[in-house]
Amino acid sequence: MICSFSNLRNKEIVNIKTGLKIGYADDIELDTANSSVVSIVVYGKARAFGIMGRDDDIVIKCSNIQLIGEDTILVSFDDSAKCTKNISCKIDNLLK
């Protein structure tokens, strides 16, 4: 399956180890030397409408991507420094 970046942005990213929705792909990192995609970036959520800055971005390496489907991207990684934002995502989902 060939997927353009505009199609990739419409896919929800879910961590299969924790079951949490991470968000949508906002950016990708490319390795120009090897002509390959290195990672997908999910921007941190804005705090107080962006006045108080943003949460940390989540960088998902391509080696952590398990499956890219029609509607979702399934990733698998442990809770580490890059994933501490997942706790706030869980609270945000309860408020919806």
C-alpha atoms as a PDB file:
ATOM      1  CA  MET A   1       0.000   0.000   0.000  1.00  0.00           C
ATOM      2  CA  ILE A   2       1.324   3.417  -0.932  1.00  0.00           C
ATOM      3  CA  CYS A   3       0.387   6.161   1.508  1.00  0.00           C
ATOM      4  CA  SER A   4       0.885   9.888   0.984  1.00  0.00           C
ATOM      5  CA  PHE A   5       1.658  12.209   3.894  1.00  0.00           C
ATOM      6  CA  SER A   6      -1.777  13.831   3.655  1.00  0.00           C
ATOM      7  CA  ASN A   7      -3.342  10.363   4.073  1.00  0.00           C
ATOM      8  CA  LEU A   8      -0.957   9.571   6.922  1.00  0.00           C
ATOM      9  CA  ARG A   9      -2.071  12.710   8.793  1.00  0.00           C
ATOM     10  CA  ASN A  10      -5.660  11.410   8.875  1.00  0.00           C
ATOM     11  CA  LYS A  11      -4.718   8.147  10.610  1.00  0.00           C
ATOM     12  CA  GLU A  12      -4.972   7.894  14.381  1.00  0.00           C
ATOM     13  CA  ILE A  13      -1.905   6.535  16.175  1.00  0.00           C
ATOM     14  CA  VAL A  14      -2.537   3.973  18.933  1.00  0.00           C
ATOM     15  CA  ASN A  15       0.020   2.379  21.259  1.00  0.00           C
ATOM     16  CA  ILE A  16      -0.836  -1.327  21.372  1.00  0.00           C
ATOM     17  CA  LYS A  17       1.089  -1.930  24.619  1.00  0.00           C
ATOM     18  CA  THR A  18      -0.976   0.560  26.635  1.00  0.00           C
ATOM     19  CA  GLY A  19      -4.067   0.906  24.445  1.00  0.00           C
ATOM     20  CA  LEU A  20      -3.828   4.706  24.550  1.00  0.00           C
ATOM     21  CA  LYS A  21      -4.584   6.957  21.620  1.00  0.00           C
ATOM     22  CA  ILE A  22      -1.502   9.056  20.980  1.00  0.00           C
ATOM     23  CA  GLY A  23      -2.930  11.405  18.377  1.00  0.00           C
ATOM     24  CA  TYR A  24      -2.430  12.048  14.686  1.00  0.00           C
ATOM     25  CA  ALA A  25       0.801  12.319  12.711  1.00  0.00           C
ATOM     26  CA  ASP A  26       1.816  15.962  12.480  1.00  0.00           C
ATOM     27  CA  ASP A  27       5.248  15.629  10.896  1.00  0.00           C
ATOM     28  CA  ILE A  28       7.782  13.088   9.679  1.00  0.00           C
ATOM     29  CA  GLU A  29      11.567  13.017   9.936  1.00  0.00           C
ATOM     30  CA  LEU A  30      13.500  12.030   6.826  1.00  0.00           C
ATOM     31  CA  ASP A  31      17.057  10.777   6.446  1.00  0.00           C
ATOM     32  CA  THR A  32      18.231  12.500   3.279  1.00  0.00           C
ATOM     33  CA  ALA A  33      21.419  10.431   3.066  1.00  0.00           C
ATOM     34  CA  ASN A  34      19.507   7.138   2.876  1.00  0.00           C
ATOM     35  CA  SER A  35      16.245   8.495   1.394  1.00  0.00           C
ATOM     36  CA  SER A  36      14.182   6.917   4.150  1.00  0.00           C
ATOM     37  CA  VAL A  37      11.628   7.918   6.760  1.00  0.00           C
ATOM     38  CA  VAL A  38      13.166   7.864  10.253  1.00  0.00           C
ATOM     39  CA  SER A  39      10.205   8.681  12.488  1.00  0.00           C
ATOM     40  CA  ILE A  40       6.716  10.102  12.820  1.00  0.00           C
ATOM     41  CA  VAL A  41       6.218  13.119  15.085  1.00  0.00           C
ATOM     42  CA  VAL A  42       3.059  13.892  17.058  1.00  0.00           C
ATOM     43  CA  TYR A  43       3.124  17.468  18.327  1.00  0.00           C
ATOM     44  CA  GLY A  44       2.411  18.060  22.004  1.00  0.00           C
ATOM     45  CA  LYS A  45      -0.977  19.438  22.956  1.00  0.00           C
ATOM     46  CA  ALA A  46      -1.244  23.170  23.519  1.00  0.00           C
ATOM     47  CA  ARG A  47      -1.637  24.261  27.134  1.00  0.00           C
ATOM     48  CA  ALA A  48      -4.085  27.111  27.820  1.00  0.00           C
ATOM     49  CA  PHE A  49      -4.732  27.656  24.103  1.00  0.00           C
ATOM     50  CA  GLY A  50      -0.981  27.818  23.434  1.00  0.00           C
ATOM     51  CA  ILE A  51      -0.324  30.656  25.879  1.00  0.00           C
ATOM     52  CA  MET A  52       1.439  28.319  28.328  1.00  0.00           C
ATOM     53  CA  GLY A  53       3.370  26.521  25.585  1.00  0.00           C
ATOM     54  CA  ARG A  54       3.011  22.918  24.517  1.00  0.00           C
ATOM     55  CA  ASP A  55       3.568  19.475  25.959  1.00  0.00           C
ATOM     56  CA  ASP A  56       6.584  17.553  24.681  1.00  0.00           C
ATOM     57  CA  ASP A  57       6.381  16.133  21.174  1.00  0.00           C
ATOM     58  CA  ILE A  58       6.177  12.368  20.806  1.00  0.00           C
ATOM     59  CA  VAL A  59       8.695  10.955  18.334  1.00  0.00           C
ATOM     60  CA  ILE A  60       7.848   7.461  17.102  1.00  0.00           C
ATOM     61  CA  LYS A  61      10.677   5.657  15.342  1.00  0.00           C
ATOM     62  CA  CYS A  62       9.774   3.590  12.288  1.00  0.00           C
ATOM     63  CA  SER A  63      11.065   0.474  14.033  1.00  0.00           C
ATOM     64  CA  ASN A  64       8.240   0.905  16.587  1.00  0.00           C
ATOM     65  CA  ILE A  65       5.495   0.948  13.949  1.00  0.00           C
ATOM     66  CA  GLN A  66       3.724  -2.412  13.883  1.00  0.00           C
ATOM     67  CA  LEU A  67       0.987  -1.807  11.302  1.00  0.00           C
ATOM     68  CA  ILE A  68      -0.339   0.986   9.122  1.00  0.00           C
ATOM     69  CA  GLY A  69      -3.986   0.319   8.370  1.00  0.00           C
ATOM     70  CA  GLU A  70      -6.712   2.255   6.585  1.00  0.00           C
ATOM     71  CA  ASP A  71      -7.727   4.272   9.659  1.00  0.00           C
ATOM     72  CA  THR A  72      -5.041   3.734  12.289  1.00  0.00           C
ATOM     73  CA  ILE A  73      -1.330   3.332  12.822  1.00  0.00           C
ATOM     74  CA  LEU A  74      -0.476   0.759  15.485  1.00  0.00           C
ATOM     75  CA  VAL A  75       2.781   1.361  17.331  1.00  0.00           C
ATOM     76  CA  SER A  76       4.479  -0.507  20.132  1.00  0.00           C
ATOM     77  CA  PHE A  77       6.831   1.153  22.601  1.00  0.00           C
ATOM     78  CA  ASP A  78       7.354   1.183  26.341  1.00  0.00           C
ATOM     79  CA  ASP A  79       6.517   4.132  28.552  1.00  0.00           C
ATOM     80  CA  SER A  80       9.733   6.131  28.582  1.00  0.00           C
ATOM     81  CA  ALA A  81      10.778   9.780  28.552  1.00  0.00           C
ATOM     82  CA  LYS A  82       9.340  10.285  25.090  1.00  0.00           C
ATOM     83  CA  CYS A  83       5.982   8.844  26.141  1.00  0.00           C
ATOM     84  CA  THR A  84       5.277  10.554  29.461  1.00  0.00           C
ATOM     85  CA  LYS A  85       2.593  12.589  27.745  1.00  0.00           C
ATOM     86  CA  ASN A  86       0.372   9.482  27.519  1.00  0.00           C
ATOM     87  CA  ILE A  87      -0.737  10.015  31.127  1.00  0.00           C
ATOM     88  CA  SER A  88      -2.209  13.408  30.225  1.00  0.00           C
ATOM     89  CA  CYS A  89      -3.836  11.870  27.135  1.00  0.00           C
ATOM     90  CA  LYS A  90      -5.672   9.438  29.377  1.00  0.00           C
ATOM     91  CA  ILE A  91      -7.019  12.300  31.502  1.00  0.00           C
ATOM     92  CA  ASP A  92      -8.000  14.297  28.403  1.00  0.00           C
ATOM     93  CA  ASN A  93      -9.948  11.315  27.047  1.00  0.00           C
ATOM     94  CA  LEU A  94     -11.919  11.041  30.281  1.00  0.00           C
ATOM     95  CA  LEU A  95     -13.010  14.666  29.988  1.00  0.00           C
ATOM     96  CA  LYS A  96     -14.506  14.239  26.501  1.00  0.00           C
END
